[in-house]
């Protein structure tokens, strides 16, 4: 399954329960209804964030983010290879 890294220049404000759910989703590594499996979320101290996921394609990543209120453009996503 392809892996994608996406970038959020400024993460939207999210309630603590939403952040807790994101952590649970990453730890559970279960695919959502778009076929996107979250692998990790990296939060910068400056408000930036990066999400690493497995997905069928970049469009699935966009749809998964839109479903939780974190919009992305195609230019914010790159397909990547990881060592592990």
PDB file of N, CA and C in Angstrom:
ATOM      1  N   UNK A   1       0.854  -1.178   0.000  1.00  0.00           N
ATOM      2  CA  UNK A   1       0.000   0.000   0.000  1.00  0.00           C
ATOM      3  C   UNK A   1       0.899   1.240   0.000  1.00  0.00           C
ATOM      4  N   UNK A   2       0.625   2.213  -0.852  1.00  0.00           N
ATOM      5  CA  UNK A   2       1.426   3.444  -0.893  1.00  0.00           C
ATOM      6  C   UNK A   2       1.351   4.206   0.426  1.00  0.00           C
ATOM      7  N   UNK A   3       2.424   4.925   0.738  1.00  0.00           N
ATOM      8  CA  UNK A   3       2.475   5.780   1.927  1.00  0.00           C
ATOM      9  C   UNK A   3       2.539   7.227   1.482  1.00  0.00           C
ATOM     10  N   UNK A   4       1.911   8.081   2.273  1.00  0.00           N
ATOM     11  CA  UNK A   4       1.847   9.505   1.959  1.00  0.00           C
ATOM     12  C   UNK A   4       2.197  10.327   3.186  1.00  0.00           C
ATOM     13  N   UNK A   5       2.925  11.414   2.957  1.00  0.00           N
ATOM     14  CA  UNK A   5       3.222  12.389   3.995  1.00  0.00           C
ATOM     15  C   UNK A   5       2.538  13.678   3.588  1.00  0.00           C
ATOM     16  N   UNK A   6       1.718  14.193   4.486  1.00  0.00           N
ATOM     17  CA  UNK A   6       1.072  15.472   4.167  1.00  0.00           C
ATOM     18  C   UNK A   6       1.466  16.521   5.187  1.00  0.00           C
ATOM     19  N   UNK A   7       1.380  17.765   4.776  1.00  0.00           N
ATOM     20  CA  UNK A   7       1.840  18.891   5.588  1.00  0.00           C
ATOM     21  C   UNK A   7       0.704  19.871   5.833  1.00  0.00           C
ATOM     22  N   UNK A   8       0.613  20.298   7.067  1.00  0.00           N
ATOM     23  CA  UNK A   8      -0.343  21.338   7.464  1.00  0.00           C
ATOM     24  C   UNK A   8       0.480  22.519   7.964  1.00  0.00           C
ATOM     25  N   UNK A   9       0.460  23.620   7.232  1.00  0.00           N
ATOM     26  CA  UNK A   9       1.234  24.796   7.629  1.00  0.00           C
ATOM     27  C   UNK A   9       0.753  25.337   8.972  1.00  0.00           C
ATOM     28  N   UNK A  10      -0.531  25.208   9.233  1.00  0.00           N
ATOM     29  CA  UNK A  10      -1.111  25.644  10.505  1.00  0.00           C
ATOM     30  C   UNK A  10      -2.259  24.707  10.826  1.00  0.00           C
ATOM     31  N   UNK A  11      -2.093  23.910  11.864  1.00  0.00           N
ATOM     32  CA  UNK A  11      -3.153  22.986  12.259  1.00  0.00           C
ATOM     33  C   UNK A  11      -4.338  23.766  12.805  1.00  0.00           C
ATOM     34  N   UNK A  12      -5.547  23.365  12.429  1.00  0.00           N
ATOM     35  CA  UNK A  12      -6.716  24.023  13.008  1.00  0.00           C
ATOM     36  C   UNK A  12      -6.824  23.675  14.492  1.00  0.00           C
ATOM     37  N   UNK A  13      -7.430  24.574  15.255  1.00  0.00           N
ATOM     38  CA  UNK A  13      -7.659  24.297  16.673  1.00  0.00           C
ATOM     39  C   UNK A  13      -8.616  23.126  16.793  1.00  0.00           C
ATOM     40  N   UNK A  14      -8.266  22.150  17.610  1.00  0.00           N
ATOM     41  CA  UNK A  14      -9.096  20.970  17.792  1.00  0.00           C
ATOM     42  C   UNK A  14      -9.313  20.748  19.282  1.00  0.00           C
ATOM     43  N   UNK A  15     -10.511  20.328  19.643  1.00  0.00           N
ATOM     44  CA  UNK A  15     -10.757  20.054  21.061  1.00  0.00           C
ATOM     45  C   UNK A  15      -9.904  18.875  21.540  1.00  0.00           C
ATOM     46  N   UNK A  16      -9.612  18.820  22.835  1.00  0.00           N
ATOM     47  CA  UNK A  16      -8.768  17.738  23.369  1.00  0.00           C
ATOM     48  C   UNK A  16      -9.290  16.341  23.039  1.00  0.00           C
ATOM     49  N   UNK A  17     -10.600  16.153  23.022  1.00  0.00           N
ATOM     50  CA  UNK A  17     -11.141  14.827  22.719  1.00  0.00           C
ATOM     51  C   UNK A  17     -10.848  14.423  21.273  1.00  0.00           C
ATOM     52  N   UNK A  18     -10.798  15.403  20.382  1.00  0.00           N
ATOM     53  CA  UNK A  18     -10.462  15.105  18.986  1.00  0.00           C
ATOM     54  C   UNK A  18      -8.994  14.684  18.879  1.00  0.00           C
ATOM     55  N   UNK A  19      -8.122  15.383  19.606  1.00  0.00           N
ATOM     56  CA  UNK A  19      -6.706  15.023  19.609  1.00  0.00           C
ATOM     57  C   UNK A  19      -6.520  13.621  20.200  1.00  0.00           C
ATOM     58  N   UNK A  20      -7.272  13.304  21.239  1.00  0.00           N
ATOM     59  CA  UNK A  20      -7.195  11.974  21.846  1.00  0.00           C
ATOM     60  C   UNK A  20      -7.649  10.908  20.850  1.00  0.00           C
ATOM     61  N   UNK A  21      -8.681  11.214  20.069  1.00  0.00           N
ATOM     62  CA  UNK A  21      -9.162  10.262  19.068  1.00  0.00           C
ATOM     63  C   UNK A  21      -8.119  10.060  17.971  1.00  0.00           C
ATOM     64  N   UNK A  22      -7.438  11.137  17.571  1.00  0.00           N
ATOM     65  CA  UNK A  22      -6.366  11.011  16.579  1.00  0.00           C
ATOM     66  C   UNK A  22      -5.279  10.070  17.092  1.00  0.00           C
ATOM     67  N   UNK A  23      -4.900  10.219  18.364  1.00  0.00           N
ATOM     68  CA  UNK A  23      -3.878   9.359  18.954  1.00  0.00           C
ATOM     69  C   UNK A  23      -4.340   7.906  18.949  1.00  0.00           C
ATOM     70  N   UNK A  24      -5.595   7.674  19.318  1.00  0.00           N
ATOM     71  CA  UNK A  24      -6.154   6.319  19.318  1.00  0.00           C
ATOM     72  C   UNK A  24      -6.127   5.730  17.917  1.00  0.00           C
ATOM     73  N   UNK A  25      -6.482   6.537  16.912  1.00  0.00           N
ATOM     74  CA  UNK A  25      -6.486   6.062  15.525  1.00  0.00           C
ATOM     75  C   UNK A  25      -5.090   5.667  15.059  1.00  0.00           C
ATOM     76  N   UNK A  26      -4.094   6.466  15.422  1.00  0.00           N
ATOM     77  CA  UNK A  26      -2.717   6.162  15.033  1.00  0.00           C
ATOM     78  C   UNK A  26      -2.257   4.885  15.728  1.00  0.00           C
ATOM     79  N   UNK A  27      -2.555   4.767  17.010  1.00  0.00           N
ATOM     80  CA  UNK A  27      -2.128   3.578  17.758  1.00  0.00           C
ATOM     81  C   UNK A  27      -2.833   2.316  17.253  1.00  0.00           C
ATOM     82  N   UNK A  28      -4.091   2.442  16.842  1.00  0.00           N
ATOM     83  CA  UNK A  28      -4.858   1.292  16.371  1.00  0.00           C
ATOM     84  C   UNK A  28      -4.536   0.874  14.951  1.00  0.00           C
ATOM     85  N   UNK A  29      -3.981   1.810  14.172  1.00  0.00           N
ATOM     86  CA  UNK A  29      -3.614   1.558  12.775  1.00  0.00           C
ATOM     87  C   UNK A  29      -4.711   0.850  11.985  1.00  0.00           C
ATOM     88  N   UNK A  30      -5.939   1.369  12.117  1.00  0.00           N
ATOM     89  CA  UNK A  30      -7.072   0.821  11.369  1.00  0.00           C
ATOM     90  C   UNK A  30      -7.456   1.782  10.257  1.00  0.00           C
ATOM     91  N   UNK A  31      -7.750   1.216   9.110  1.00  0.00           N
ATOM     92  CA  UNK A  31      -8.146   2.031   7.958  1.00  0.00           C
ATOM     93  C   UNK A  31      -9.524   2.636   8.189  1.00  0.00           C
ATOM     94  N   UNK A  32      -9.708   3.867   7.711  1.00  0.00           N
ATOM     95  CA  UNK A  32     -11.011   4.516   7.787  1.00  0.00           C
ATOM     96  C   UNK A  32     -11.846   4.153   6.554  1.00  0.00           C
ATOM     97  N   UNK A  33     -12.984   4.798   6.399  1.00  0.00           N
ATOM     98  CA  UNK A  33     -13.882   4.466   5.285  1.00  0.00           C
ATOM     99  C   UNK A  33     -13.301   4.827   3.917  1.00  0.00           C
ATOM    100  N   UNK A  34     -12.218   5.606   3.894  1.00  0.00           N
ATOM    101  CA  UNK A  34     -11.566   5.963   2.634  1.00  0.00           C
ATOM    102  C   UNK A  34     -10.370   5.049   2.343  1.00  0.00           C
ATOM    103  N   UNK A  35     -10.104   4.108   3.249  1.00  0.00           N
ATOM    104  CA  UNK A  35      -8.969   3.206   3.084  1.00  0.00           C
ATOM    105  C   UNK A  35      -7.658   3.783   3.578  1.00  0.00           C
ATOM    106  N   UNK A  36      -7.729   4.865   4.358  1.00  0.00           N
ATOM    107  CA  UNK A  36      -6.543   5.541   4.873  1.00  0.00           C
ATOM    108  C   UNK A  36      -6.226   5.020   6.272  1.00  0.00           C
ATOM    109  N   UNK A  37      -5.001   4.536   6.445  1.00  0.00           N
ATOM    110  CA  UNK A  37      -4.536   4.063   7.750  1.00  0.00           C
ATOM    111  C   UNK A  37      -3.522   5.059   8.285  1.00  0.00           C
ATOM    112  N   UNK A  38      -3.825   5.733   9.392  1.00  0.00           N
ATOM    113  CA  UNK A  38      -2.851   6.671   9.962  1.00  0.00           C
ATOM    114  C   UNK A  38      -1.691   5.916  10.586  1.00  0.00           C
ATOM    115  N   UNK A  39      -0.474   6.348  10.301  1.00  0.00           N
ATOM    116  CA  UNK A  39       0.722   5.717  10.854  1.00  0.00           C
ATOM    117  C   UNK A  39       1.378   6.582  11.912  1.00  0.00           C
ATOM    118  N   UNK A  40       1.332   7.898  11.722  1.00  0.00           N
ATOM    119  CA  UNK A  40       1.909   8.812  12.708  1.00  0.00           C
ATOM    120  C   UNK A  40       1.465  10.237  12.388  1.00  0.00           C
ATOM    121  N   UNK A  41       1.457  11.059  13.421  1.00  0.00           N
ATOM    122  CA  UNK A  41       1.214  12.498  13.289  1.00  0.00           C
ATOM    123  C   UNK A  41       2.335  13.187  14.045  1.00  0.00           C
ATOM    124  N   UNK A  42       3.000  14.120  13.383  1.00  0.00           N
ATOM    125  CA  UNK A  42       4.103  14.861  13.985  1.00  0.00           C
ATOM    126  C   UNK A  42       3.656  16.305  14.126  1.00  0.00           C
ATOM    127  N   UNK A  43       3.671  16.798  15.360  1.00  0.00           N
ATOM    128  CA  UNK A  43       3.220  18.159  15.637  1.00  0.00           C
ATOM    129  C   UNK A  43       4.433  19.034  15.915  1.00  0.00           C
ATOM    130  N   UNK A  44       4.585  20.101  15.126  1.00  0.00           N
ATOM    131  CA  UNK A  44       5.660  21.049  15.361  1.00  0.00           C
ATOM    132  C   UNK A  44       5.285  22.013  16.478  1.00  0.00           C
ATOM    133  N   UNK A  45       6.266  22.516  17.181  1.00  0.00           N
ATOM    134  CA  UNK A  45       5.997  23.475  18.258  1.00  0.00           C
ATOM    135  C   UNK A  45       5.530  24.821  17.707  1.00  0.00           C
ATOM    136  N   UNK A  46       5.650  25.012  16.397  1.00  0.00           N
ATOM    137  CA  UNK A  46       5.232  26.268  15.760  1.00  0.00           C
ATOM    138  C   UNK A  46       3.827  26.177  15.151  1.00  0.00           C
ATOM    139  N   UNK A  47       3.110  25.065  15.392  1.00  0.00           N
ATOM    140  CA  UNK A  47       1.751  24.920  14.861  1.00  0.00           C
ATOM    141  C   UNK A  47       1.665  24.126  13.573  1.00  0.00           C
ATOM    142  N   UNK A  48       2.815  23.802  12.975  1.00  0.00           N
ATOM    143  CA  UNK A  48       2.810  22.960  11.777  1.00  0.00           C
ATOM    144  C   UNK A  48       2.576  21.510  12.182  1.00  0.00           C
ATOM    145  N   UNK A  49       2.123  20.705  11.222  1.00  0.00           N
ATOM    146  CA  UNK A  49       1.953  19.282  11.489  1.00  0.00           C
ATOM    147  C   UNK A  49       2.166  18.491  10.204  1.00  0.00           C
ATOM    148  N   UNK A  50       2.559  17.236  10.373  1.00  0.00           N
ATOM    149  CA  UNK A  50       2.759  16.307   9.273  1.00  0.00           C
ATOM    150  C   UNK A  50       2.061  15.012   9.633  1.00  0.00           C
ATOM    151  N   UNK A  51       1.391  14.412   8.677  1.00  0.00           N
ATOM    152  CA  UNK A  51       0.713  13.144   8.884  1.00  0.00           C
ATOM    153  C   UNK A  51       1.295  12.116   7.926  1.00  0.00           C
ATOM    154  N   UNK A  52       1.639  10.967   8.463  1.00  0.00           N
ATOM    155  CA  UNK A  52       2.116   9.852   7.649  1.00  0.00           C
ATOM    156  C   UNK A  52       1.011   8.811   7.641  1.00  0.00           C
ATOM    157  N   UNK A  53       0.624   8.378   6.453  1.00  0.00           N
ATOM    158  CA  UNK A  53      -0.459   7.400   6.346  1.00  0.00           C
ATOM    159  C   UNK A  53      -0.234   6.465   5.170  1.00  0.00           C
ATOM    160  N   UNK A  54      -0.920   5.337   5.233  1.00  0.00           N
ATOM    161  CA  UNK A  54      -1.018   4.442   4.091  1.00  0.00           C
ATOM    162  C   UNK A  54      -2.383   4.678   3.488  1.00  0.00           C
ATOM    163  N   UNK A  55      -2.443   4.740   2.174  1.00  0.00           N
ATOM    164  CA  UNK A  55      -3.713   5.022   1.506  1.00  0.00           C
ATOM    165  C   UNK A  55      -3.654   4.522   0.073  1.00  0.00           C
ATOM    166  N   UNK A  56      -4.828   4.273  -0.502  1.00  0.00           N
ATOM    167  CA  UNK A  56      -4.849   3.830  -1.900  1.00  0.00           C
ATOM    168  C   UNK A  56      -4.292   4.888  -2.850  1.00  0.00           C
ATOM    169  N   UNK A  57      -4.497   6.163  -2.497  1.00  0.00           N
ATOM    170  CA  UNK A  57      -4.046   7.268  -3.346  1.00  0.00           C
ATOM    171  C   UNK A  57      -4.152   8.580  -2.576  1.00  0.00           C
ATOM    172  N   UNK A  58      -3.623   9.660  -3.162  1.00  0.00           N
ATOM    173  CA  UNK A  58      -3.630  10.967  -2.501  1.00  0.00           C
ATOM    174  C   UNK A  58      -5.052  11.497  -2.303  1.00  0.00           C
ATOM    175  N   UNK A  59      -5.953  11.193  -3.238  1.00  0.00           N
ATOM    176  CA  UNK A  59      -7.342  11.659  -3.101  1.00  0.00           C
ATOM    177  C   UNK A  59      -7.992  11.100  -1.841  1.00  0.00           C
ATOM    178  N   UNK A  60      -7.676   9.858  -1.498  1.00  0.00           N
ATOM    179  CA  UNK A  60      -8.214   9.258  -0.273  1.00  0.00           C
ATOM    180  C   UNK A  60      -7.708  10.015   0.955  1.00  0.00           C
ATOM    181  N   UNK A  61      -6.452  10.440   0.926  1.00  0.00           N
ATOM    182  CA  UNK A  61      -5.877  11.202   2.030  1.00  0.00           C
ATOM    183  C   UNK A  61      -6.627  12.529   2.173  1.00  0.00           C
ATOM    184  N   UNK A  62      -6.888  13.189   1.064  1.00  0.00           N
ATOM    185  CA  UNK A  62      -7.629  14.456   1.086  1.00  0.00           C
ATOM    186  C   UNK A  62      -9.017  14.248   1.682  1.00  0.00           C
ATOM    187  N   UNK A  63      -9.726  13.218   1.240  1.00  0.00           N
ATOM    188  CA  UNK A  63     -11.082  12.955   1.740  1.00  0.00           C
ATOM    189  C   UNK A  63     -11.070  12.627   3.229  1.00  0.00           C
ATOM    190  N   UNK A  64     -10.097  11.842   3.677  1.00  0.00           N
ATOM    191  CA  UNK A  64     -10.005  11.486   5.087  1.00  0.00           C
ATOM    192  C   UNK A  64      -9.781  12.729   5.953  1.00  0.00           C
ATOM    193  N   UNK A  65      -8.940  13.629   5.484  1.00  0.00           N
ATOM    194  CA  UNK A  65      -8.685  14.859   6.236  1.00  0.00           C
ATOM    195  C   UNK A  65      -9.917  15.769   6.241  1.00  0.00           C
ATOM    196  N   UNK A  66     -10.574  15.895   5.101  1.00  0.00           N
ATOM    197  CA  UNK A  66     -11.780  16.726   5.036  1.00  0.00           C
ATOM    198  C   UNK A  66     -12.845  16.215   6.006  1.00  0.00           C
ATOM    199  N   UNK A  67     -12.936  14.894   6.165  1.00  0.00           N
ATOM    200  CA  UNK A  67     -13.945  14.295   7.046  1.00  0.00           C
ATOM    201  C   UNK A  67     -13.744  14.694   8.506  1.00  0.00           C
ATOM    202  N   UNK A  68     -12.510  15.051   8.884  1.00  0.00           N
ATOM    203  CA  UNK A  68     -12.260  15.464  10.268  1.00  0.00           C
ATOM    204  C   UNK A  68     -11.982  16.967  10.387  1.00  0.00           C
ATOM    205  N   UNK A  69     -12.257  17.712   9.321  1.00  0.00           N
ATOM    206  CA  UNK A  69     -12.148  19.167   9.372  1.00  0.00           C
ATOM    207  C   UNK A  69     -10.752  19.729   9.182  1.00  0.00           C
ATOM    208  N   UNK A  70      -9.859  18.947   8.592  1.00  0.00           N
ATOM    209  CA  UNK A  70      -8.492  19.419   8.340  1.00  0.00           C
ATOM    210  C   UNK A  70      -8.248  19.367   6.834  1.00  0.00           C
ATOM    211  N   UNK A  71      -8.647  20.417   6.142  1.00  0.00           N
ATOM    212  CA  UNK A  71      -8.554  20.427   4.683  1.00  0.00           C
ATOM    213  C   UNK A  71      -7.111  20.449   4.206  1.00  0.00           C
ATOM    214  N   UNK A  72      -6.905  19.773   3.082  1.00  0.00           N
ATOM    215  CA  UNK A  72      -5.601  19.696   2.422  1.00  0.00           C
ATOM    216  C   UNK A  72      -5.770  19.965   0.940  1.00  0.00           C
ATOM    217  N   UNK A  73      -4.726  20.476   0.326  1.00  0.00           N
ATOM    218  CA  UNK A  73      -4.718  20.552  -1.128  1.00  0.00           C
ATOM    219  C   UNK A  73      -3.764  19.471  -1.632  1.00  0.00           C
ATOM    220  N   UNK A  74      -3.881  19.107  -2.866  1.00  0.00           N
ATOM    221  CA  UNK A  74      -3.038  18.050  -3.442  1.00  0.00           C
ATOM    222  C   UNK A  74      -1.555  18.407  -3.322  1.00  0.00           C
ATOM    223  N   UNK A  75      -1.236  19.694  -3.374  1.00  0.00           N
ATOM    224  CA  UNK A  75       0.165  20.119  -3.289  1.00  0.00           C
ATOM    225  C   UNK A  75       0.759  19.933  -1.889  1.00  0.00           C
ATOM    226  N   UNK A  76      -0.075  19.637  -0.883  1.00  0.00           N
ATOM    227  CA  UNK A  76       0.389  19.414   0.481  1.00  0.00           C
ATOM    228  C   UNK A  76       0.737  17.948   0.752  1.00  0.00           C
ATOM    229  N   UNK A  77       0.601  17.087  -0.255  1.00  0.00           N
ATOM    230  CA  UNK A  77       0.771  15.646  -0.068  1.00  0.00           C
ATOM    231  C   UNK A  77       1.837  15.115  -1.022  1.00  0.00           C
ATOM    232  N   UNK A  78       2.687  14.257  -0.490  1.00  0.00           N
ATOM    233  CA  UNK A  78       3.705  13.617  -1.321  1.00  0.00           C
ATOM    234  C   UNK A  78       3.731  12.122  -0.997  1.00  0.00           C
ATOM    235  N   UNK A  79       3.840  11.298  -2.024  1.00  0.00           N
ATOM    236  CA  UNK A  79       3.996   9.868  -1.798  1.00  0.00           C
ATOM    237  C   UNK A  79       5.439   9.623  -1.372  1.00  0.00           C
ATOM    238  N   UNK A  80       5.624   8.777  -0.347  1.00  0.00           N
ATOM    239  CA  UNK A  80       6.947   8.545   0.212  1.00  0.00           C
ATOM    240  C   UNK A  80       7.231   7.058   0.361  1.00  0.00           C
ATOM    241  N   UNK A  81       8.512   6.744   0.536  1.00  0.00           N
ATOM    242  CA  UNK A  81       8.962   5.409   0.907  1.00  0.00           C
ATOM    243  C   UNK A  81       9.598   5.541   2.284  1.00  0.00           C
ATOM    244  N   UNK A  82       9.388   4.554   3.126  1.00  0.00           N
ATOM    245  CA  UNK A  82       9.989   4.580   4.456  1.00  0.00           C
ATOM    246  C   UNK A  82      10.946   3.405   4.578  1.00  0.00           C
ATOM    247  N   UNK A  83      11.872   3.508   5.509  1.00  0.00           N
ATOM    248  CA  UNK A  83      12.847   2.453   5.734  1.00  0.00           C
ATOM    249  C   UNK A  83      12.295   1.350   6.616  1.00  0.00           C
ATOM    250  N   UNK A  84      11.306   1.680   7.428  1.00  0.00           N
ATOM    251  CA  UNK A  84      10.728   0.680   8.336  1.00  0.00           C
ATOM    252  C   UNK A  84       9.235   0.569   8.131  1.00  0.00           C
TER     253      UNK A  84
END
